Amino acid sequence: MSGSNARAALQQYKKVNLHSQVEGASPHRLIQMLMEGALEKMYAARLLMEQGNLGPKAEQITWAISIIDGLRISLDKDVGGEIAQNLEDLYDYMVRRLMQANASNDVAMVEEVVDLMKQIKEAWDAIAGTPRPEAGKPAA
């Protein structure tokens, strides 16, 4: 198998694997996957920035921005109240910082957004381990 055929096969495997993960994922897991995807894109952008590979860097930042926008749009402010509003403001800030990082090729700005996303993800991951009370029953 040639190198290009192997890469194509690997890409196809990744697509099938991701599709099957998404199909069986809970809403909570889908949000985790989005956060993981945004982090991956920012890590890639940072590396490309450091290498001076600016075209692909811009593509990675654009993907990260798109994912963060998806997270922002998915917020339910009726249910989440002030927390959801604070997250929306933070996601807006993160998008602005990534746009600035893209324009100025500033790795530190990308790192800032990576750190913010990691903190949000850690909190979200912690929620997964917290049992929820059944409807009508008080929390213990």
Protein backbone atom coordinates (compact mmCIF):
# COMPACT_ATOMS: atom_id res chain seq x y z
CA MET A 1 0.00 0.00 0.00
CA SER A 2 1.49 3.34 -1.00
CA GLY A 3 1.82 6.22 1.44
CA SER A 4 -1.07 8.17 -0.09
CA ASN A 5 -3.31 5.07 -0.09
CA ALA A 6 -2.44 4.41 3.56
CA ARG A 7 -3.27 8.01 4.49
CA ALA A 8 -6.57 7.81 2.60
CA ALA A 9 -7.43 4.53 4.37
CA LEU A 10 -6.55 6.06 7.75
CA GLN A 11 -8.72 9.12 7.05
CA GLN A 12 -11.64 6.88 6.07
CA TYR A 13 -11.17 4.82 9.24
CA LYS A 14 -11.19 8.00 11.34
CA LYS A 15 -14.42 9.15 9.68
CA VAL A 16 -16.15 5.81 10.27
CA ASN A 17 -14.87 5.67 13.86
CA LEU A 18 -16.05 9.22 14.60
CA HIS A 19 -19.44 8.56 13.00
CA SER A 20 -20.00 5.48 15.14
CA GLN A 21 -18.91 7.36 18.29
CA VAL A 22 -21.33 10.21 17.54
CA GLU A 23 -24.24 7.87 16.77
CA GLY A 24 -24.12 6.21 20.19
CA ALA A 25 -23.10 9.22 22.25
CA SER A 26 -25.19 10.84 24.95
CA PRO A 27 -25.77 14.60 24.72
CA HIS A 28 -23.19 15.03 27.49
CA ARG A 29 -20.61 13.01 25.55
CA LEU A 30 -21.32 14.98 22.35
CA ILE A 31 -20.39 18.21 24.16
CA GLN A 32 -17.22 16.53 25.43
CA MET A 33 -16.37 15.49 21.89
CA LEU A 34 -16.87 19.05 20.64
CA MET A 35 -14.57 20.38 23.34
CA GLU A 36 -11.98 17.73 22.51
CA GLY A 37 -12.23 18.66 18.84
CA ALA A 38 -11.74 22.37 19.57
CA LEU A 39 -8.68 21.56 21.67
CA GLU A 40 -7.23 19.34 18.93
CA LYS A 41 -7.68 22.11 16.35
CA MET A 42 -6.04 24.67 18.63
CA TYR A 43 -3.11 22.33 19.36
CA ALA A 44 -2.64 21.83 15.62
CA ALA A 45 -2.88 25.59 14.97
CA ARG A 46 -0.29 26.29 17.64
CA LEU A 47 2.13 23.80 16.12
CA LEU A 48 1.58 25.14 12.60
CA MET A 49 2.07 28.69 13.88
CA GLU A 50 5.37 27.71 15.47
CA GLN A 51 6.44 26.13 12.18
CA GLY A 52 5.44 29.22 10.19
CA ASN A 53 2.88 27.19 8.22
CA LEU A 54 0.27 29.93 8.13
CA GLY A 55 -2.28 28.69 5.57
CA PRO A 56 -3.08 25.44 7.37
CA LYS A 57 -2.85 27.30 10.70
CA ALA A 58 -5.71 29.55 9.61
CA GLU A 59 -7.79 26.50 8.64
CA GLN A 60 -7.28 24.93 12.07
CA ILE A 61 -8.21 28.15 13.87
CA THR A 62 -11.28 28.51 11.68
CA TRP A 63 -12.33 24.96 12.65
CA ALA A 64 -11.76 25.71 16.35
CA ILE A 65 -13.83 28.89 16.07
CA SER A 66 -16.61 26.99 14.33
CA ILE A 67 -16.67 24.34 17.06
CA ILE A 68 -16.69 26.95 19.85
CA ASP A 69 -19.52 28.74 18.06
CA GLY A 70 -21.41 25.44 18.00
CA LEU A 71 -20.91 25.09 21.74
CA ARG A 72 -22.14 28.66 22.23
CA ILE A 73 -25.23 28.11 20.09
CA SER A 74 -26.09 24.91 21.96
CA LEU A 75 -26.41 26.72 25.30
CA ASP A 76 -29.92 26.76 26.76
CA LYS A 77 -30.16 30.01 28.69
CA ASP A 78 -33.70 29.21 29.85
CA VAL A 79 -32.41 26.15 31.71
CA GLY A 80 -28.84 27.25 32.41
CA GLY A 81 -29.62 30.81 33.49
CA GLU A 82 -26.65 32.83 34.63
CA ILE A 83 -24.18 29.98 34.12
CA ALA A 84 -25.24 29.61 30.48
CA GLN A 85 -24.97 33.38 29.99
CA ASN A 86 -21.48 33.40 31.50
CA LEU A 87 -20.45 30.53 29.23
CA GLU A 88 -21.83 32.35 26.21
CA ASP A 89 -19.78 35.43 27.12
CA LEU A 90 -16.69 33.28 27.62
CA TYR A 91 -17.18 31.49 24.28
CA ASP A 92 -17.56 34.89 22.58
CA TYR A 93 -14.32 36.04 24.20
CA MET A 94 -12.55 32.85 23.11
CA VAL A 95 -13.64 33.33 19.49
CA ARG A 96 -12.43 36.94 19.51
CA ARG A 97 -9.06 35.88 20.94
CA LEU A 98 -8.65 33.16 18.31
CA MET A 99 -9.43 35.67 15.56
CA GLN A 100 -6.80 38.00 17.01
CA ALA A 101 -4.32 35.11 17.32
CA ASN A 102 -4.94 34.19 13.70
CA ALA A 103 -4.39 37.77 12.48
CA SER A 104 -1.24 38.33 14.53
CA ASN A 105 0.13 34.75 14.63
CA ASP A 106 0.26 34.99 18.41
CA VAL A 107 0.81 31.58 20.01
CA ALA A 108 0.20 33.02 23.50
CA MET A 109 -3.37 33.95 22.55
CA VAL A 110 -4.03 30.42 21.32
CA GLU A 111 -2.58 29.08 24.58
CA GLU A 112 -4.90 31.38 26.55
CA VAL A 113 -7.94 29.93 24.77
CA VAL A 114 -6.62 26.37 25.17
CA ASP A 115 -6.32 26.95 28.93
CA LEU A 116 -9.87 28.35 29.11
CA MET A 117 -11.29 25.42 27.12
CA LYS A 118 -9.44 22.92 29.32
CA GLN A 119 -10.99 24.49 32.43
CA ILE A 120 -14.48 24.36 30.93
CA LYS A 121 -13.94 20.77 29.82
CA GLU A 122 -12.67 19.70 33.24
CA ALA A 123 -15.83 21.10 34.83
CA TRP A 124 -17.99 19.43 32.18
CA ASP A 125 -16.17 16.11 32.64
CA ALA A 126 -16.77 16.32 36.41
CA ILE A 127 -20.51 16.65 35.79
CA ALA A 128 -20.49 13.23 34.08
CA GLY A 129 -19.48 11.57 37.34
CA THR A 130 -22.14 13.33 39.40
CA PRO A 131 -25.30 11.26 39.81
CA ARG A 132 -28.47 13.21 39.13
CA PRO A 133 -31.47 12.83 41.42
CA GLU A 134 -34.48 11.11 39.92
CA ALA A 135 -37.39 13.32 39.04
CA GLY A 136 -39.48 14.07 42.11
CA LYS A 137 -36.87 12.78 44.56
CA PRO A 138 -34.72 15.12 46.61
CA ALA A 139 -30.95 14.97 46.17
CA ALA A 140 -29.17 13.10 48.95
